[in-house]
N, C-alpha and C. Protein backbone atom coordinates (compact mmCIF):
# COMPACT_ATOMS: atom_id res chain seq x y z
N ALA A 1 6.58 -40.52 -1.88
CA ALA A 1 7.15 -40.77 -3.19
C ALA A 1 6.16 -41.54 -4.04
N ALA A 2 6.21 -41.28 -5.31
CA ALA A 2 5.30 -41.95 -6.25
C ALA A 2 5.79 -43.36 -6.51
N SER A 3 4.87 -44.25 -6.81
CA SER A 3 5.22 -45.62 -7.16
C SER A 3 5.94 -45.62 -8.50
N PRO A 4 6.87 -46.56 -8.72
CA PRO A 4 7.53 -46.64 -10.01
C PRO A 4 6.51 -46.82 -11.13
N GLY A 5 6.69 -46.10 -12.21
CA GLY A 5 5.80 -46.21 -13.34
C GLY A 5 4.52 -45.39 -13.23
N ARG A 6 4.32 -44.73 -12.10
CA ARG A 6 3.13 -43.90 -11.92
C ARG A 6 3.56 -42.48 -11.61
N SER A 7 2.87 -41.53 -12.20
CA SER A 7 3.19 -40.14 -11.92
C SER A 7 2.46 -39.72 -10.65
N PRO A 8 3.03 -38.83 -9.87
CA PRO A 8 2.36 -38.39 -8.65
C PRO A 8 1.12 -37.56 -9.01
N THR A 9 0.15 -37.55 -8.11
CA THR A 9 -1.04 -36.74 -8.32
C THR A 9 -0.64 -35.28 -8.18
N LEU A 10 -0.95 -34.51 -9.19
CA LEU A 10 -0.62 -33.09 -9.14
C LEU A 10 -1.58 -32.40 -8.19
N PRO A 11 -1.08 -31.49 -7.37
CA PRO A 11 -1.92 -30.86 -6.36
C PRO A 11 -2.96 -29.89 -6.92
N LEU A 12 -2.71 -29.32 -8.07
CA LEU A 12 -3.66 -28.38 -8.64
C LEU A 12 -4.31 -29.00 -9.85
N GLY A 13 -5.51 -28.56 -10.15
CA GLY A 13 -6.21 -29.21 -11.23
C GLY A 13 -7.16 -28.31 -11.98
N SER A 14 -7.72 -28.87 -13.00
CA SER A 14 -8.67 -28.19 -13.86
C SER A 14 -9.85 -29.12 -14.07
N PRO A 15 -11.05 -28.74 -13.58
CA PRO A 15 -12.19 -29.65 -13.69
C PRO A 15 -12.83 -29.65 -15.07
N THR A 16 -13.48 -30.75 -15.36
CA THR A 16 -14.36 -30.88 -16.51
C THR A 16 -15.68 -31.43 -15.96
N ILE A 17 -16.77 -31.14 -16.66
CA ILE A 17 -18.07 -31.66 -16.26
C ILE A 17 -18.70 -32.33 -17.48
N SER A 18 -19.08 -33.58 -17.30
CA SER A 18 -19.64 -34.36 -18.42
C SER A 18 -21.15 -34.12 -18.56
N ALA A 19 -21.71 -34.76 -19.58
CA ALA A 19 -23.15 -34.66 -19.84
C ALA A 19 -23.97 -35.34 -18.75
N ALA A 20 -23.34 -36.03 -17.80
CA ALA A 20 -24.06 -36.63 -16.68
C ALA A 20 -24.53 -35.58 -15.67
N CYS A 21 -24.09 -34.34 -15.84
CA CYS A 21 -24.45 -33.24 -14.94
C CYS A 21 -25.96 -33.06 -14.88
N ILE A 22 -26.49 -32.91 -13.66
CA ILE A 22 -27.93 -32.70 -13.47
C ILE A 22 -28.25 -31.27 -13.03
N GLY A 23 -27.25 -30.40 -13.06
CA GLY A 23 -27.48 -28.99 -12.74
C GLY A 23 -27.82 -28.71 -11.30
N CYS A 24 -27.45 -29.59 -10.39
CA CYS A 24 -27.80 -29.41 -8.97
C CYS A 24 -26.95 -28.34 -8.29
N SER A 25 -25.83 -28.01 -8.89
CA SER A 25 -24.90 -26.98 -8.38
C SER A 25 -24.21 -27.34 -7.07
N ILE A 26 -24.19 -28.61 -6.69
CA ILE A 26 -23.48 -28.99 -5.47
C ILE A 26 -21.99 -28.65 -5.60
N CYS A 27 -21.46 -28.75 -6.82
CA CYS A 27 -20.04 -28.42 -7.03
C CYS A 27 -19.79 -26.95 -6.69
N GLU A 28 -20.74 -26.09 -7.06
CA GLU A 28 -20.61 -24.66 -6.73
C GLU A 28 -20.69 -24.45 -5.22
N HIS A 29 -21.61 -25.14 -4.57
CA HIS A 29 -21.82 -24.94 -3.13
C HIS A 29 -20.65 -25.42 -2.28
N VAL A 30 -19.95 -26.47 -2.71
CA VAL A 30 -18.83 -26.97 -1.90
C VAL A 30 -17.51 -26.28 -2.23
N CYS A 31 -17.49 -25.47 -3.26
CA CYS A 31 -16.24 -24.80 -3.66
C CYS A 31 -15.97 -23.62 -2.72
N ALA A 32 -14.98 -23.79 -1.87
CA ALA A 32 -14.66 -22.78 -0.86
C ALA A 32 -14.18 -21.47 -1.46
N THR A 33 -13.61 -21.52 -2.66
CA THR A 33 -13.05 -20.31 -3.26
C THR A 33 -13.96 -19.71 -4.33
N ARG A 34 -15.09 -20.34 -4.57
CA ARG A 34 -16.06 -19.89 -5.58
C ARG A 34 -15.47 -19.92 -7.00
N ALA A 35 -14.61 -20.90 -7.23
CA ALA A 35 -14.03 -21.06 -8.56
C ALA A 35 -15.07 -21.58 -9.55
N ILE A 36 -16.08 -22.29 -9.06
CA ILE A 36 -17.18 -22.77 -9.90
C ILE A 36 -18.41 -21.94 -9.55
N ARG A 37 -19.02 -21.38 -10.57
CA ARG A 37 -20.19 -20.51 -10.38
C ARG A 37 -21.31 -20.92 -11.33
N ARG A 38 -22.52 -20.84 -10.83
CA ARG A 38 -23.72 -21.13 -11.62
C ARG A 38 -24.18 -19.83 -12.27
N GLU A 39 -24.52 -19.91 -13.53
CA GLU A 39 -25.02 -18.74 -14.27
C GLU A 39 -26.35 -19.12 -14.92
N GLU A 40 -27.43 -18.50 -14.42
CA GLU A 40 -28.74 -18.74 -15.01
C GLU A 40 -28.93 -17.78 -16.17
N ARG A 41 -29.35 -18.32 -17.30
CA ARG A 41 -29.45 -17.52 -18.52
C ARG A 41 -30.91 -17.22 -18.86
N ALA A 42 -31.10 -16.19 -19.66
CA ALA A 42 -32.44 -15.75 -20.06
C ALA A 42 -33.20 -16.83 -20.82
N ASP A 43 -32.49 -17.73 -21.50
CA ASP A 43 -33.16 -18.78 -22.28
C ASP A 43 -33.57 -19.98 -21.43
N GLY A 44 -33.35 -19.89 -20.10
CA GLY A 44 -33.73 -20.97 -19.20
C GLY A 44 -32.65 -21.99 -18.93
N THR A 45 -31.55 -21.92 -19.67
CA THR A 45 -30.45 -22.85 -19.43
C THR A 45 -29.62 -22.37 -18.24
N VAL A 46 -28.83 -23.27 -17.71
CA VAL A 46 -27.92 -22.96 -16.61
C VAL A 46 -26.52 -23.38 -17.05
N ALA A 47 -25.57 -22.47 -16.90
CA ALA A 47 -24.17 -22.78 -17.21
C ALA A 47 -23.39 -22.85 -15.91
N LEU A 48 -22.47 -23.78 -15.84
CA LEU A 48 -21.51 -23.82 -14.74
C LEU A 48 -20.18 -23.35 -15.32
N ARG A 49 -19.64 -22.29 -14.69
CA ARG A 49 -18.42 -21.65 -15.19
C ARG A 49 -17.32 -21.81 -14.15
N PHE A 50 -16.08 -21.88 -14.63
CA PHE A 50 -14.92 -22.14 -13.79
C PHE A 50 -13.85 -21.09 -14.02
N THR A 51 -13.34 -20.52 -12.92
CA THR A 51 -12.24 -19.56 -12.98
C THR A 51 -10.99 -20.23 -12.40
N PRO A 52 -10.05 -20.63 -13.26
CA PRO A 52 -8.87 -21.38 -12.82
C PRO A 52 -8.05 -20.69 -11.72
N ALA A 53 -7.89 -19.39 -11.79
CA ALA A 53 -7.04 -18.69 -10.82
C ALA A 53 -7.60 -18.77 -9.39
N LEU A 54 -8.87 -19.09 -9.24
CA LEU A 54 -9.47 -19.20 -7.91
C LEU A 54 -9.38 -20.61 -7.33
N CYS A 55 -9.11 -21.58 -8.16
CA CYS A 55 -9.12 -22.99 -7.74
C CYS A 55 -7.87 -23.33 -6.93
N ILE A 56 -8.08 -24.03 -5.80
CA ILE A 56 -6.94 -24.47 -4.98
C ILE A 56 -6.67 -25.97 -5.14
N GLY A 57 -7.42 -26.61 -6.03
CA GLY A 57 -7.18 -28.02 -6.33
C GLY A 57 -7.61 -28.99 -5.25
N CYS A 58 -8.57 -28.61 -4.41
CA CYS A 58 -8.98 -29.48 -3.31
C CYS A 58 -9.81 -30.67 -3.77
N ARG A 59 -10.41 -30.58 -4.95
CA ARG A 59 -11.22 -31.63 -5.56
C ARG A 59 -12.54 -31.89 -4.82
N ALA A 60 -12.97 -30.96 -3.97
CA ALA A 60 -14.25 -31.10 -3.27
C ALA A 60 -15.40 -31.19 -4.27
N CYS A 61 -15.29 -30.48 -5.38
CA CYS A 61 -16.34 -30.50 -6.41
C CYS A 61 -16.55 -31.90 -6.95
N ALA A 62 -15.47 -32.59 -7.25
CA ALA A 62 -15.56 -33.95 -7.79
C ALA A 62 -16.05 -34.93 -6.74
N GLU A 63 -15.61 -34.76 -5.52
CA GLU A 63 -16.02 -35.66 -4.44
C GLU A 63 -17.50 -35.54 -4.14
N ALA A 64 -18.06 -34.33 -4.26
CA ALA A 64 -19.45 -34.08 -3.90
C ALA A 64 -20.43 -34.41 -5.02
N CYS A 65 -19.97 -34.55 -6.23
CA CYS A 65 -20.85 -34.75 -7.39
C CYS A 65 -21.48 -36.14 -7.38
N LEU A 66 -22.78 -36.20 -7.10
CA LEU A 66 -23.46 -37.50 -7.00
C LEU A 66 -23.47 -38.29 -8.30
N PRO A 67 -23.75 -37.67 -9.45
CA PRO A 67 -23.71 -38.47 -10.68
C PRO A 67 -22.30 -38.71 -11.21
N GLY A 68 -21.28 -38.16 -10.55
CA GLY A 68 -19.90 -38.37 -11.00
C GLY A 68 -19.55 -37.60 -12.25
N ALA A 69 -20.24 -36.49 -12.50
CA ALA A 69 -20.01 -35.71 -13.72
C ALA A 69 -18.74 -34.87 -13.65
N VAL A 70 -18.30 -34.51 -12.44
CA VAL A 70 -17.13 -33.64 -12.29
C VAL A 70 -15.87 -34.48 -12.16
N LYS A 71 -14.92 -34.21 -13.00
CA LYS A 71 -13.59 -34.85 -12.94
C LYS A 71 -12.56 -33.74 -12.87
N VAL A 72 -11.51 -33.94 -12.09
CA VAL A 72 -10.45 -32.94 -11.99
C VAL A 72 -9.15 -33.58 -12.46
N GLU A 73 -8.61 -33.01 -13.52
CA GLU A 73 -7.33 -33.48 -14.06
C GLU A 73 -6.22 -32.63 -13.45
N GLY A 74 -5.22 -33.28 -12.91
CA GLY A 74 -4.09 -32.56 -12.36
C GLY A 74 -3.30 -31.87 -13.46
N THR A 75 -2.81 -30.68 -13.15
CA THR A 75 -2.00 -29.96 -14.13
C THR A 75 -0.99 -29.09 -13.40
N ASP A 76 0.13 -28.86 -14.05
CA ASP A 76 1.10 -27.90 -13.54
C ASP A 76 1.34 -26.79 -14.57
N ASP A 77 0.45 -26.71 -15.54
CA ASP A 77 0.53 -25.69 -16.58
C ASP A 77 0.09 -24.35 -16.00
N LEU A 78 1.05 -23.47 -15.75
CA LEU A 78 0.75 -22.20 -15.11
C LEU A 78 -0.17 -21.32 -15.96
N GLU A 79 -0.08 -21.46 -17.27
CA GLU A 79 -0.96 -20.68 -18.14
C GLU A 79 -2.43 -21.08 -17.90
N VAL A 80 -2.67 -22.35 -17.65
CA VAL A 80 -4.02 -22.84 -17.36
C VAL A 80 -4.43 -22.43 -15.96
N LEU A 81 -3.56 -22.64 -14.99
CA LEU A 81 -3.89 -22.43 -13.58
C LEU A 81 -4.14 -20.97 -13.20
N PHE A 82 -3.50 -20.05 -13.87
CA PHE A 82 -3.63 -18.65 -13.47
C PHE A 82 -4.52 -17.82 -14.38
N ARG A 83 -5.30 -18.47 -15.23
CA ARG A 83 -6.27 -17.72 -16.05
C ARG A 83 -7.30 -17.09 -15.14
N THR A 84 -7.58 -15.82 -15.36
CA THR A 84 -8.55 -15.13 -14.52
C THR A 84 -9.93 -15.05 -15.16
N GLU A 85 -10.02 -15.35 -16.45
CA GLU A 85 -11.35 -15.34 -17.07
C GLU A 85 -12.00 -16.72 -16.88
N ALA A 86 -13.30 -16.68 -16.62
CA ALA A 86 -14.05 -17.92 -16.40
C ALA A 86 -14.28 -18.63 -17.74
N ARG A 87 -14.29 -19.94 -17.68
CA ARG A 87 -14.63 -20.73 -18.86
C ARG A 87 -15.84 -21.60 -18.53
N GLU A 88 -16.61 -21.87 -19.54
CA GLU A 88 -17.82 -22.66 -19.38
C GLU A 88 -17.46 -24.13 -19.27
N LEU A 89 -17.98 -24.78 -18.23
CA LEU A 89 -17.75 -26.22 -18.06
C LEU A 89 -18.87 -27.04 -18.69
N VAL A 90 -20.10 -26.59 -18.49
CA VAL A 90 -21.26 -27.32 -19.03
C VAL A 90 -22.46 -26.39 -19.07
N VAL A 91 -23.37 -26.68 -19.97
CA VAL A 91 -24.66 -25.99 -20.01
C VAL A 91 -25.73 -27.07 -19.88
N VAL A 92 -26.62 -26.89 -18.90
CA VAL A 92 -27.72 -27.84 -18.72
C VAL A 92 -29.02 -27.15 -19.10
N HIS A 93 -29.94 -27.94 -19.62
CA HIS A 93 -31.20 -27.42 -20.13
C HIS A 93 -32.36 -27.88 -19.27
N PRO A 94 -33.38 -27.04 -19.14
CA PRO A 94 -34.57 -27.49 -18.41
C PRO A 94 -35.26 -28.57 -19.24
N ARG A 95 -35.66 -29.64 -18.59
CA ARG A 95 -36.31 -30.74 -19.28
C ARG A 95 -37.49 -31.24 -18.45
N GLU A 96 -38.32 -32.03 -19.07
CA GLU A 96 -39.41 -32.68 -18.36
C GLU A 96 -39.17 -34.18 -18.45
N CYS A 97 -39.20 -34.85 -17.31
CA CYS A 97 -38.94 -36.29 -17.26
C CYS A 97 -39.99 -37.04 -18.08
N VAL A 98 -39.52 -37.94 -18.94
CA VAL A 98 -40.42 -38.73 -19.79
C VAL A 98 -41.15 -39.80 -18.99
N VAL A 99 -40.69 -40.07 -17.76
CA VAL A 99 -41.32 -41.09 -16.92
C VAL A 99 -42.35 -40.47 -15.97
N CYS A 100 -41.90 -39.49 -15.16
CA CYS A 100 -42.78 -38.94 -14.11
C CYS A 100 -43.32 -37.54 -14.42
N GLY A 101 -42.76 -36.87 -15.42
CA GLY A 101 -43.24 -35.54 -15.79
C GLY A 101 -42.66 -34.39 -14.99
N GLU A 102 -41.79 -34.68 -14.01
CA GLU A 102 -41.16 -33.62 -13.20
C GLU A 102 -40.16 -32.83 -14.03
N SER A 103 -40.00 -31.56 -13.66
CA SER A 103 -38.99 -30.72 -14.31
C SER A 103 -37.63 -30.97 -13.67
N PHE A 104 -36.59 -30.92 -14.47
CA PHE A 104 -35.22 -31.10 -13.97
C PHE A 104 -34.28 -30.51 -15.00
N TYR A 105 -33.00 -30.39 -14.64
CA TYR A 105 -31.97 -29.91 -15.55
C TYR A 105 -31.10 -31.07 -15.98
N SER A 106 -30.65 -31.05 -17.23
CA SER A 106 -29.76 -32.08 -17.73
C SER A 106 -29.04 -31.59 -18.97
N ALA A 107 -27.86 -32.12 -19.17
CA ALA A 107 -27.14 -31.82 -20.40
C ALA A 107 -27.55 -32.78 -21.51
N SER A 108 -28.17 -33.92 -21.12
CA SER A 108 -28.50 -34.89 -22.16
C SER A 108 -29.69 -35.80 -21.87
N SER A 109 -29.99 -36.11 -20.64
CA SER A 109 -30.95 -37.16 -20.30
C SER A 109 -32.41 -36.77 -20.48
N GLY A 110 -33.24 -37.78 -20.75
CA GLY A 110 -34.68 -37.58 -20.86
C GLY A 110 -35.41 -37.98 -19.59
N THR A 111 -34.67 -38.58 -18.63
CA THR A 111 -35.29 -38.95 -17.36
C THR A 111 -34.61 -38.18 -16.23
N CYS A 112 -35.43 -37.82 -15.23
CA CYS A 112 -34.90 -37.08 -14.08
C CYS A 112 -33.97 -38.01 -13.29
N PRO A 113 -33.15 -37.44 -12.41
CA PRO A 113 -32.23 -38.28 -11.64
C PRO A 113 -32.93 -39.39 -10.85
N ARG A 114 -34.10 -39.08 -10.28
CA ARG A 114 -34.82 -40.10 -9.49
C ARG A 114 -35.24 -41.26 -10.39
N CYS A 115 -35.91 -40.98 -11.48
CA CYS A 115 -36.38 -42.05 -12.37
C CYS A 115 -35.21 -42.77 -13.05
N GLY A 116 -34.16 -42.04 -13.37
CA GLY A 116 -32.97 -42.65 -13.96
C GLY A 116 -32.31 -43.62 -13.02
N CYS A 117 -32.24 -43.25 -11.73
CA CYS A 117 -31.65 -44.14 -10.72
C CYS A 117 -32.52 -45.36 -10.51
N LEU A 118 -33.85 -45.16 -10.48
CA LEU A 118 -34.76 -46.29 -10.27
C LEU A 118 -34.67 -47.29 -11.40
N SER A 119 -34.53 -46.81 -12.63
CA SER A 119 -34.48 -47.72 -13.76
C SER A 119 -33.17 -48.50 -13.83
N GLU A 120 -32.12 -47.97 -13.18
CA GLU A 120 -30.82 -48.64 -13.19
C GLU A 120 -30.68 -49.66 -12.06
N ARG A 121 -31.57 -49.62 -11.06
CA ARG A 121 -31.48 -50.50 -9.92
C ARG A 121 -32.27 -51.79 -10.14
N SER A 122 -31.80 -52.82 -9.53
CA SER A 122 -32.51 -54.09 -9.57
C SER A 122 -33.31 -54.21 -8.27
N PHE A 123 -34.57 -54.58 -8.40
CA PHE A 123 -35.41 -54.76 -7.24
C PHE A 123 -35.75 -56.24 -7.03
N ASP A 124 -34.90 -57.10 -7.54
CA ASP A 124 -35.13 -58.54 -7.42
C ASP A 124 -35.17 -59.00 -5.97
N HIS A 125 -34.47 -58.29 -5.10
CA HIS A 125 -34.39 -58.68 -3.70
C HIS A 125 -35.66 -58.32 -2.92
N VAL A 126 -36.55 -57.53 -3.49
CA VAL A 126 -37.77 -57.10 -2.81
C VAL A 126 -38.84 -58.17 -2.96
N GLN A 127 -39.39 -58.59 -1.84
CA GLN A 127 -40.43 -59.61 -1.88
C GLN A 127 -41.78 -58.93 -2.04
N THR A 128 -42.60 -59.51 -2.90
CA THR A 128 -43.96 -59.00 -3.06
C THR A 128 -44.94 -60.08 -2.61
N SER A 129 -46.12 -59.66 -2.18
CA SER A 129 -47.08 -60.65 -1.71
C SER A 129 -47.97 -61.15 -2.80
C-alpha cells in the first residue's frame, strides 16, 4: 500500500532523456524489449528513439544511465503506452572536447565525459611531493 499523501509508483512508464545524454547507448543495450533504439543519421548526429508499445516499464534504462540523463515517469495513460510509432527522445551531436580534443557525442556539452567528470571532482585529498 502507498503511504498516505503519496501516490504509488506506476508500473509502466515513459522515458525522457535530458541534454546530459552522452550518446553511449547503454539505455538501448539494457532494454530487453528494444523499446529504445539508436538511429545514426547521415548528418553525423545520433537520435535515440522510443516505442511506447514495446516498453514494459522495468526502468533498466534509467538505472543504467551513468550521467543520469534518462528519467522514467510513471503513467497509466493507455494512449501513451500503446503508441506503436517511435518518438525521438534526444539527438546528440558529434563534438570535439575543448580540453583533450577527443571526439564524443553530446546534446550540449563542450567537454567529453572524462574531462567533465575530472573537472567536477576535487583532488584535495591527493598528496603531491
